[in-house]
N, C-alpha and C. Protein backbone atom coordinates (compact mmCIF):
# COMPACT_ATOMS: atom_id res chain seq x y z
N UNK A 1 14.15 -2.53 16.51
CA UNK A 1 14.80 -3.81 16.28
C UNK A 1 15.25 -3.83 14.83
N UNK A 2 16.45 -4.30 14.62
CA UNK A 2 17.00 -4.45 13.28
C UNK A 2 17.59 -5.85 13.17
N UNK A 3 17.50 -6.42 11.99
CA UNK A 3 18.06 -7.74 11.73
C UNK A 3 19.28 -7.54 10.85
N UNK A 4 20.41 -8.10 11.29
CA UNK A 4 21.63 -8.01 10.49
C UNK A 4 22.23 -9.41 10.32
N UNK A 5 23.02 -9.55 9.29
CA UNK A 5 23.64 -10.85 9.00
C UNK A 5 24.77 -11.12 9.99
N UNK A 6 25.13 -12.39 10.15
CA UNK A 6 26.28 -12.72 11.00
C UNK A 6 27.55 -12.00 10.54
N UNK A 7 27.73 -11.86 9.24
CA UNK A 7 28.90 -11.16 8.71
C UNK A 7 28.93 -9.72 9.19
N UNK A 8 27.80 -9.02 9.07
CA UNK A 8 27.72 -7.62 9.49
C UNK A 8 27.86 -7.51 11.01
N UNK A 9 27.28 -8.46 11.73
CA UNK A 9 27.40 -8.46 13.20
C UNK A 9 28.87 -8.57 13.61
N UNK A 10 29.60 -9.43 12.95
CA UNK A 10 31.02 -9.60 13.26
C UNK A 10 31.78 -8.29 13.00
N UNK A 11 31.44 -7.62 11.90
CA UNK A 11 32.07 -6.34 11.58
C UNK A 11 31.80 -5.28 12.65
N UNK A 12 30.59 -5.30 13.20
CA UNK A 12 30.16 -4.27 14.14
C UNK A 12 30.36 -4.65 15.61
N UNK A 13 30.83 -5.85 15.88
CA UNK A 13 30.91 -6.36 17.24
C UNK A 13 31.68 -5.45 18.19
N UNK A 14 32.82 -4.98 17.78
CA UNK A 14 33.61 -4.10 18.64
C UNK A 14 32.88 -2.79 18.92
N UNK A 15 32.29 -2.22 17.89
CA UNK A 15 31.55 -0.97 18.05
C UNK A 15 30.33 -1.16 18.97
N UNK A 16 29.63 -2.26 18.79
CA UNK A 16 28.46 -2.54 19.63
C UNK A 16 28.86 -2.72 21.08
N UNK A 17 30.00 -3.36 21.32
CA UNK A 17 30.49 -3.55 22.68
C UNK A 17 30.76 -2.25 23.41
N UNK A 18 31.08 -1.19 22.67
CA UNK A 18 31.36 0.12 23.26
C UNK A 18 30.11 0.99 23.39
N UNK A 19 29.05 0.61 22.72
CA UNK A 19 27.84 1.45 22.66
C UNK A 19 26.93 1.17 23.86
N UNK A 20 26.41 2.21 24.47
CA UNK A 20 25.54 2.03 25.63
C UNK A 20 24.06 2.02 25.26
N UNK A 21 23.74 2.15 23.96
CA UNK A 21 22.35 2.19 23.54
C UNK A 21 21.92 0.99 22.70
N UNK A 22 22.85 0.07 22.41
CA UNK A 22 22.56 -1.03 21.49
C UNK A 22 22.90 -2.37 22.14
N UNK A 23 22.03 -3.34 21.91
CA UNK A 23 22.30 -4.71 22.34
C UNK A 23 22.20 -5.60 21.12
N UNK A 24 23.17 -6.47 20.96
CA UNK A 24 23.18 -7.44 19.87
C UNK A 24 22.87 -8.81 20.45
N UNK A 25 21.92 -9.51 19.83
CA UNK A 25 21.54 -10.85 20.26
C UNK A 25 21.83 -11.84 19.15
N UNK A 26 22.20 -13.04 19.53
CA UNK A 26 22.28 -14.14 18.57
C UNK A 26 20.88 -14.73 18.48
N UNK A 27 20.44 -14.99 17.26
CA UNK A 27 19.12 -15.57 17.04
C UNK A 27 19.21 -16.54 15.86
N UNK A 28 18.47 -17.61 15.96
CA UNK A 28 18.28 -18.54 14.86
C UNK A 28 16.88 -19.12 15.00
N UNK A 29 16.19 -19.35 13.89
CA UNK A 29 14.85 -19.93 13.99
C UNK A 29 14.91 -21.38 14.43
N UNK A 30 13.89 -21.80 15.12
CA UNK A 30 13.78 -23.20 15.56
C UNK A 30 13.17 -24.01 14.43
N UNK A 31 13.98 -24.86 13.83
CA UNK A 31 13.55 -25.60 12.66
C UNK A 31 12.99 -26.98 12.97
N UNK A 32 13.33 -27.52 14.14
CA UNK A 32 12.71 -28.78 14.56
C UNK A 32 12.70 -28.84 16.08
N UNK A 33 11.96 -29.80 16.59
CA UNK A 33 11.77 -29.88 18.03
C UNK A 33 13.03 -30.27 18.79
N UNK A 34 14.03 -30.77 18.08
CA UNK A 34 15.29 -31.14 18.72
C UNK A 34 16.15 -29.94 19.08
N UNK A 35 15.85 -28.78 18.49
CA UNK A 35 16.62 -27.57 18.78
C UNK A 35 15.98 -26.79 19.91
N UNK A 36 16.82 -26.17 20.71
CA UNK A 36 16.33 -25.29 21.77
C UNK A 36 15.80 -24.01 21.12
N UNK A 37 14.64 -23.51 21.55
CA UNK A 37 14.17 -22.24 20.99
C UNK A 37 15.09 -21.09 21.41
N UNK A 38 15.40 -20.21 20.48
CA UNK A 38 16.27 -19.07 20.76
C UNK A 38 15.51 -17.75 20.73
N UNK A 39 14.19 -17.82 20.64
CA UNK A 39 13.40 -16.58 20.51
C UNK A 39 13.21 -15.84 21.83
N UNK A 40 13.77 -16.34 22.91
CA UNK A 40 13.75 -15.57 24.17
C UNK A 40 14.87 -14.53 24.17
N UNK A 41 15.73 -14.58 23.14
CA UNK A 41 16.85 -13.64 22.98
C UNK A 41 17.75 -13.65 24.21
N UNK A 42 18.00 -14.84 24.72
CA UNK A 42 18.81 -14.94 25.94
C UNK A 42 20.05 -15.82 25.77
N UNK A 43 20.36 -16.22 24.54
CA UNK A 43 21.50 -17.09 24.33
C UNK A 43 22.82 -16.34 24.51
N UNK A 44 22.96 -15.23 23.83
CA UNK A 44 24.18 -14.44 23.90
C UNK A 44 23.82 -13.01 23.55
N UNK A 45 24.34 -12.07 24.30
CA UNK A 45 24.13 -10.67 23.96
C UNK A 45 25.44 -9.92 24.15
N UNK A 46 25.56 -8.87 23.42
CA UNK A 46 26.75 -8.01 23.46
C UNK A 46 26.25 -6.57 23.46
N UNK A 47 26.94 -5.73 24.19
CA UNK A 47 26.57 -4.31 24.24
C UNK A 47 25.86 -3.97 25.51
N UNK A 48 24.91 -3.10 25.40
CA UNK A 48 24.16 -2.60 26.55
C UNK A 48 23.45 -3.74 27.28
N UNK A 49 23.60 -3.81 28.61
CA UNK A 49 22.79 -4.80 29.35
C UNK A 49 21.31 -4.50 29.11
N UNK A 50 20.56 -5.55 28.83
CA UNK A 50 19.19 -5.34 28.39
C UNK A 50 18.36 -6.53 28.81
N UNK A 51 17.17 -6.28 29.28
CA UNK A 51 16.25 -7.33 29.65
C UNK A 51 15.48 -7.76 28.41
N UNK A 52 15.77 -8.95 27.90
CA UNK A 52 15.11 -9.40 26.68
C UNK A 52 13.60 -9.57 26.85
N UNK A 53 13.13 -9.68 28.09
CA UNK A 53 11.68 -9.79 28.31
C UNK A 53 10.96 -8.49 28.00
N UNK A 54 11.72 -7.39 27.87
CA UNK A 54 11.09 -6.11 27.56
C UNK A 54 10.83 -5.93 26.06
N UNK A 55 11.30 -6.87 25.23
CA UNK A 55 11.02 -6.80 23.80
C UNK A 55 9.56 -7.17 23.59
N UNK A 56 8.78 -6.33 22.93
CA UNK A 56 7.36 -6.64 22.72
C UNK A 56 7.16 -7.96 21.99
N UNK A 57 6.20 -8.74 22.45
CA UNK A 57 5.94 -10.07 21.88
C UNK A 57 5.66 -10.01 20.38
N UNK A 58 4.97 -8.96 19.92
CA UNK A 58 4.65 -8.92 18.49
C UNK A 58 5.91 -8.82 17.63
N UNK A 59 6.97 -8.21 18.18
CA UNK A 59 8.23 -8.16 17.43
C UNK A 59 8.89 -9.54 17.36
N UNK A 60 8.78 -10.30 18.42
CA UNK A 60 9.32 -11.66 18.43
C UNK A 60 8.53 -12.54 17.45
N UNK A 61 7.22 -12.39 17.42
CA UNK A 61 6.38 -13.14 16.48
C UNK A 61 6.80 -12.83 15.05
N UNK A 62 6.98 -11.54 14.76
CA UNK A 62 7.38 -11.14 13.41
C UNK A 62 8.78 -11.66 13.06
N UNK A 63 9.70 -11.58 14.00
CA UNK A 63 11.05 -12.10 13.78
C UNK A 63 11.01 -13.59 13.46
N UNK A 64 10.26 -14.35 14.24
CA UNK A 64 10.15 -15.79 14.02
C UNK A 64 9.57 -16.11 12.64
N UNK A 65 8.54 -15.40 12.24
CA UNK A 65 7.94 -15.64 10.93
C UNK A 65 8.91 -15.28 9.81
N UNK A 66 9.54 -14.13 9.92
CA UNK A 66 10.49 -13.68 8.90
C UNK A 66 11.66 -14.65 8.76
N UNK A 67 12.14 -15.16 9.88
CA UNK A 67 13.30 -16.05 9.88
C UNK A 67 12.93 -17.47 9.44
N UNK A 68 11.66 -17.80 9.44
CA UNK A 68 11.23 -19.13 9.03
C UNK A 68 11.18 -20.15 10.14
N UNK A 69 10.90 -19.69 11.36
CA UNK A 69 10.78 -20.63 12.48
C UNK A 69 9.61 -21.58 12.22
N UNK A 70 9.84 -22.86 12.45
CA UNK A 70 8.84 -23.88 12.13
C UNK A 70 8.16 -24.49 13.34
N UNK A 71 8.82 -24.45 14.49
CA UNK A 71 8.29 -25.10 15.69
C UNK A 71 8.12 -24.08 16.80
N UNK A 72 7.03 -24.21 17.53
CA UNK A 72 6.73 -23.27 18.60
C UNK A 72 6.89 -23.92 19.95
N UNK A 73 7.11 -23.09 20.92
CA UNK A 73 7.39 -23.52 22.28
C UNK A 73 6.15 -24.01 23.03
N UNK A 74 5.00 -23.39 22.76
CA UNK A 74 3.81 -23.71 23.55
C UNK A 74 2.54 -23.37 22.78
N UNK A 75 1.43 -23.84 23.30
CA UNK A 75 0.12 -23.52 22.73
C UNK A 75 -0.11 -22.01 22.77
N UNK A 76 0.33 -21.36 23.82
CA UNK A 76 0.17 -19.90 23.94
C UNK A 76 0.91 -19.18 22.81
N UNK A 77 2.13 -19.63 22.49
CA UNK A 77 2.89 -19.02 21.39
C UNK A 77 2.18 -19.25 20.06
N UNK A 78 1.60 -20.43 19.91
CA UNK A 78 0.81 -20.76 18.72
C UNK A 78 -0.37 -19.79 18.55
N UNK A 79 -1.10 -19.55 19.64
CA UNK A 79 -2.25 -18.63 19.53
C UNK A 79 -1.79 -17.21 19.23
N UNK A 80 -0.62 -16.81 19.75
CA UNK A 80 -0.08 -15.47 19.44
C UNK A 80 0.19 -15.32 17.95
N UNK A 81 0.79 -16.35 17.35
CA UNK A 81 1.10 -16.32 15.92
C UNK A 81 -0.20 -16.26 15.11
N UNK A 82 -1.15 -17.12 15.46
CA UNK A 82 -2.43 -17.14 14.74
C UNK A 82 -3.16 -15.80 14.87
N UNK A 83 -3.18 -15.24 16.08
CA UNK A 83 -3.84 -13.95 16.28
C UNK A 83 -3.16 -12.86 15.44
N UNK A 84 -1.84 -12.86 15.41
CA UNK A 84 -1.10 -11.87 14.63
C UNK A 84 -1.43 -11.98 13.14
N UNK A 85 -1.53 -13.22 12.64
CA UNK A 85 -1.78 -13.45 11.21
C UNK A 85 -3.27 -13.40 10.85
N UNK A 86 -4.13 -13.38 11.85
CA UNK A 86 -5.57 -13.40 11.58
C UNK A 86 -6.07 -14.78 11.20
N UNK A 87 -5.43 -15.81 11.74
CA UNK A 87 -5.82 -17.19 11.44
C UNK A 87 -6.52 -17.81 12.64
N UNK A 88 -7.43 -18.72 12.35
CA UNK A 88 -8.16 -19.41 13.42
C UNK A 88 -7.24 -20.37 14.14
N UNK A 89 -7.38 -20.44 15.45
CA UNK A 89 -6.65 -21.43 16.25
C UNK A 89 -7.59 -22.32 17.04
N UNK A 90 -8.87 -22.11 16.81
CA UNK A 90 -9.91 -22.96 17.40
C UNK A 90 -11.08 -22.97 16.43
N UNK A 91 -11.99 -23.92 16.57
CA UNK A 91 -13.15 -23.93 15.66
C UNK A 91 -13.89 -22.59 15.68
N UNK A 92 -14.39 -22.20 14.53
CA UNK A 92 -15.05 -20.89 14.39
C UNK A 92 -16.34 -20.83 15.19
N UNK A 93 -16.53 -19.69 15.83
CA UNK A 93 -17.78 -19.44 16.53
C UNK A 93 -18.84 -19.03 15.51
N UNK A 94 -20.08 -19.11 15.92
CA UNK A 94 -21.18 -18.76 15.02
C UNK A 94 -21.04 -17.30 14.57
N UNK A 95 -21.22 -17.08 13.28
CA UNK A 95 -21.15 -15.73 12.72
C UNK A 95 -19.75 -15.33 12.25
N UNK A 96 -18.76 -16.13 12.55
CA UNK A 96 -17.38 -15.85 12.13
C UNK A 96 -17.10 -16.62 10.84
N UNK A 97 -16.59 -15.94 9.83
CA UNK A 97 -16.28 -16.59 8.56
C UNK A 97 -14.80 -16.92 8.52
N UNK A 98 -14.50 -18.21 8.35
CA UNK A 98 -13.13 -18.68 8.27
C UNK A 98 -12.93 -19.34 6.91
N UNK A 99 -11.93 -18.87 6.18
CA UNK A 99 -11.62 -19.44 4.86
C UNK A 99 -10.94 -20.80 5.04
N UNK A 100 -10.88 -21.60 3.97
CA UNK A 100 -10.24 -22.93 4.07
C UNK A 100 -8.79 -22.90 4.55
N UNK A 101 -8.07 -21.81 4.30
CA UNK A 101 -6.67 -21.72 4.76
C UNK A 101 -6.57 -21.28 6.21
N UNK A 102 -7.73 -21.08 6.87
CA UNK A 102 -7.75 -20.68 8.28
C UNK A 102 -7.88 -19.19 8.51
N UNK A 103 -7.86 -18.40 7.44
CA UNK A 103 -7.94 -16.95 7.57
C UNK A 103 -9.34 -16.52 8.02
N UNK A 104 -9.39 -15.71 9.04
CA UNK A 104 -10.65 -15.19 9.56
C UNK A 104 -10.97 -13.91 8.82
N UNK A 105 -12.10 -13.89 8.15
CA UNK A 105 -12.53 -12.70 7.41
C UNK A 105 -12.95 -11.65 8.43
N UNK A 106 -12.29 -10.50 8.36
CA UNK A 106 -12.53 -9.45 9.35
C UNK A 106 -13.84 -8.72 9.13
N UNK A 107 -14.43 -8.34 10.22
CA UNK A 107 -15.59 -7.47 10.19
C UNK A 107 -15.08 -6.07 9.85
N UNK A 108 -15.83 -5.33 9.04
CA UNK A 108 -15.42 -3.99 8.63
C UNK A 108 -15.07 -3.13 9.85
N UNK A 109 -13.93 -2.46 9.77
CA UNK A 109 -13.51 -1.58 10.85
C UNK A 109 -12.51 -2.18 11.81
N UNK A 110 -12.33 -3.50 11.77
CA UNK A 110 -11.35 -4.14 12.66
C UNK A 110 -9.96 -4.09 12.04
N UNK A 111 -8.95 -4.08 12.90
CA UNK A 111 -7.57 -4.07 12.44
C UNK A 111 -7.11 -5.48 12.08
N UNK A 112 -6.15 -5.55 11.18
CA UNK A 112 -5.58 -6.83 10.81
C UNK A 112 -5.43 -6.93 9.31
N UNK A 113 -4.99 -8.10 8.86
CA UNK A 113 -4.82 -8.33 7.43
C UNK A 113 -6.18 -8.31 6.74
N UNK A 114 -6.24 -7.68 5.59
CA UNK A 114 -7.48 -7.68 4.80
C UNK A 114 -7.57 -8.92 3.93
N UNK A 115 -6.39 -9.43 3.53
CA UNK A 115 -6.32 -10.65 2.74
C UNK A 115 -5.44 -11.65 3.49
N UNK A 116 -5.66 -12.89 3.22
CA UNK A 116 -4.91 -13.94 3.90
C UNK A 116 -3.41 -13.85 3.61
N UNK A 117 -2.58 -13.92 4.65
CA UNK A 117 -1.13 -13.92 4.45
C UNK A 117 -0.56 -15.32 4.19
N UNK A 118 -1.43 -16.32 4.15
CA UNK A 118 -0.97 -17.71 4.07
C UNK A 118 -0.19 -17.99 2.79
N UNK A 119 -0.69 -17.57 1.64
CA UNK A 119 0.00 -17.85 0.38
C UNK A 119 1.41 -17.24 0.39
N UNK A 120 1.52 -16.01 0.85
CA UNK A 120 2.83 -15.35 0.94
C UNK A 120 3.76 -16.12 1.89
N UNK A 121 3.26 -16.49 3.06
CA UNK A 121 4.08 -17.20 4.05
C UNK A 121 4.52 -18.58 3.55
N UNK A 122 3.65 -19.25 2.79
CA UNK A 122 4.04 -20.54 2.23
C UNK A 122 5.26 -20.38 1.32
N UNK A 123 5.24 -19.35 0.49
CA UNK A 123 6.38 -19.10 -0.40
C UNK A 123 7.61 -18.69 0.41
N UNK A 124 7.44 -17.77 1.34
CA UNK A 124 8.57 -17.30 2.15
C UNK A 124 9.23 -18.45 2.90
N UNK A 125 8.42 -19.23 3.58
CA UNK A 125 8.98 -20.27 4.44
C UNK A 125 9.45 -21.49 3.63
N UNK A 126 8.61 -22.02 2.77
CA UNK A 126 8.97 -23.25 2.06
C UNK A 126 10.01 -23.02 0.98
N UNK A 127 9.85 -22.00 0.19
CA UNK A 127 10.74 -21.81 -0.96
C UNK A 127 11.98 -20.99 -0.64
N UNK A 128 11.82 -19.94 0.14
CA UNK A 128 12.96 -19.05 0.41
C UNK A 128 13.74 -19.51 1.64
N UNK A 129 13.07 -19.70 2.76
CA UNK A 129 13.77 -20.05 3.99
C UNK A 129 14.16 -21.52 4.06
N UNK A 130 13.38 -22.42 3.49
CA UNK A 130 13.65 -23.86 3.62
C UNK A 130 14.11 -24.49 2.31
N UNK A 131 14.36 -23.71 1.28
CA UNK A 131 14.90 -24.20 0.01
C UNK A 131 14.07 -25.37 -0.54
N UNK A 132 12.76 -25.20 -0.52
CA UNK A 132 11.78 -26.16 -1.04
C UNK A 132 11.68 -27.47 -0.25
N UNK A 133 12.23 -27.50 0.95
CA UNK A 133 12.06 -28.68 1.80
C UNK A 133 10.66 -28.67 2.39
N UNK A 134 10.13 -29.83 2.71
CA UNK A 134 8.79 -29.93 3.27
C UNK A 134 8.70 -29.37 4.67
N UNK A 135 7.57 -28.77 4.97
CA UNK A 135 7.33 -28.21 6.31
C UNK A 135 6.02 -28.74 6.89
N UNK A 136 5.36 -29.65 6.18
CA UNK A 136 4.01 -30.08 6.54
C UNK A 136 3.90 -30.67 7.94
N UNK A 137 4.95 -31.30 8.44
CA UNK A 137 4.89 -31.96 9.74
C UNK A 137 5.28 -31.05 10.90
N UNK A 138 5.56 -29.81 10.62
CA UNK A 138 5.94 -28.85 11.66
C UNK A 138 4.71 -28.06 12.10
N UNK A 139 4.83 -27.36 13.21
CA UNK A 139 3.72 -26.52 13.68
C UNK A 139 3.31 -25.51 12.61
N UNK A 140 4.28 -24.78 12.07
CA UNK A 140 3.97 -23.74 11.09
C UNK A 140 3.42 -24.37 9.81
N UNK A 141 3.97 -25.50 9.41
CA UNK A 141 3.44 -26.19 8.23
C UNK A 141 1.98 -26.55 8.38
N UNK A 142 1.61 -27.05 9.55
CA UNK A 142 0.21 -27.40 9.81
C UNK A 142 -0.68 -26.17 9.82
N UNK A 143 -0.17 -25.08 10.40
CA UNK A 143 -0.93 -23.83 10.41
C UNK A 143 -1.20 -23.36 8.99
N UNK A 144 -0.17 -23.39 8.14
CA UNK A 144 -0.30 -22.90 6.77
C UNK A 144 -1.14 -23.82 5.89
N UNK A 145 -1.42 -25.02 6.37
CA UNK A 145 -2.33 -25.93 5.66
C UNK A 145 -3.77 -25.75 6.15
N UNK A 146 -3.99 -24.81 7.08
CA UNK A 146 -5.33 -24.56 7.60
C UNK A 146 -5.70 -25.44 8.76
N UNK A 147 -4.73 -26.16 9.31
CA UNK A 147 -5.01 -27.06 10.43
C UNK A 147 -5.04 -26.34 11.76
N UNK A 148 -5.74 -26.95 12.71
CA UNK A 148 -5.79 -26.44 14.07
C UNK A 148 -4.93 -27.33 14.95
N UNK A 149 -4.10 -26.73 15.77
CA UNK A 149 -3.27 -27.47 16.70
C UNK A 149 -3.94 -27.51 18.06
N UNK A 150 -3.54 -28.49 18.86
CA UNK A 150 -4.07 -28.62 20.21
C UNK A 150 -2.92 -28.56 21.20
N UNK A 151 -3.26 -28.41 22.46
CA UNK A 151 -2.25 -28.32 23.51
C UNK A 151 -1.31 -29.53 23.47
N UNK A 152 -1.83 -30.69 23.16
CA UNK A 152 -1.00 -31.91 23.13
C UNK A 152 0.07 -31.87 22.05
N UNK A 153 -0.10 -31.03 21.02
CA UNK A 153 0.90 -30.91 19.96
C UNK A 153 2.19 -30.24 20.44
N UNK A 154 2.17 -29.71 21.65
CA UNK A 154 3.33 -28.99 22.20
C UNK A 154 3.96 -29.73 23.37
N UNK A 155 3.53 -30.94 23.63
CA UNK A 155 4.11 -31.75 24.71
C UNK A 155 5.21 -32.60 24.12
N UNK A 156 6.42 -32.38 24.58
CA UNK A 156 7.56 -33.10 24.02
C UNK A 156 8.18 -33.95 25.11
């Protein structure tokens, strides 16, 4: 998977249309609940016919985080993001250490982030992707504040 700008996509559109190994998708992060989520990669595609469901979920999670997506489609998507980042999405079980930002301290030998990614993501999303606009009332904003979401937070 590669991310390219709309300008570069326009330049390559004709070439992609002729290529049998490449599919181009339109994507934009979901910034509020009024927008339709585009992370299913099914809005528009050009090039090779491709089943967007075959894209591994972890790549979609990474794309959404990198792009600054603020709202999630479901509780399941929320838990996927938290699991990927190593953040708690439910109250900690006995013996599990959870930092105030929600980061779960890993047991030696387990895979995942060694340090909390929250500080980095706050800068990426709030300062770079959102131009210092507030994100506190969004799903991702609540996650980055160490909050836990519930299933009811995804009922619209």
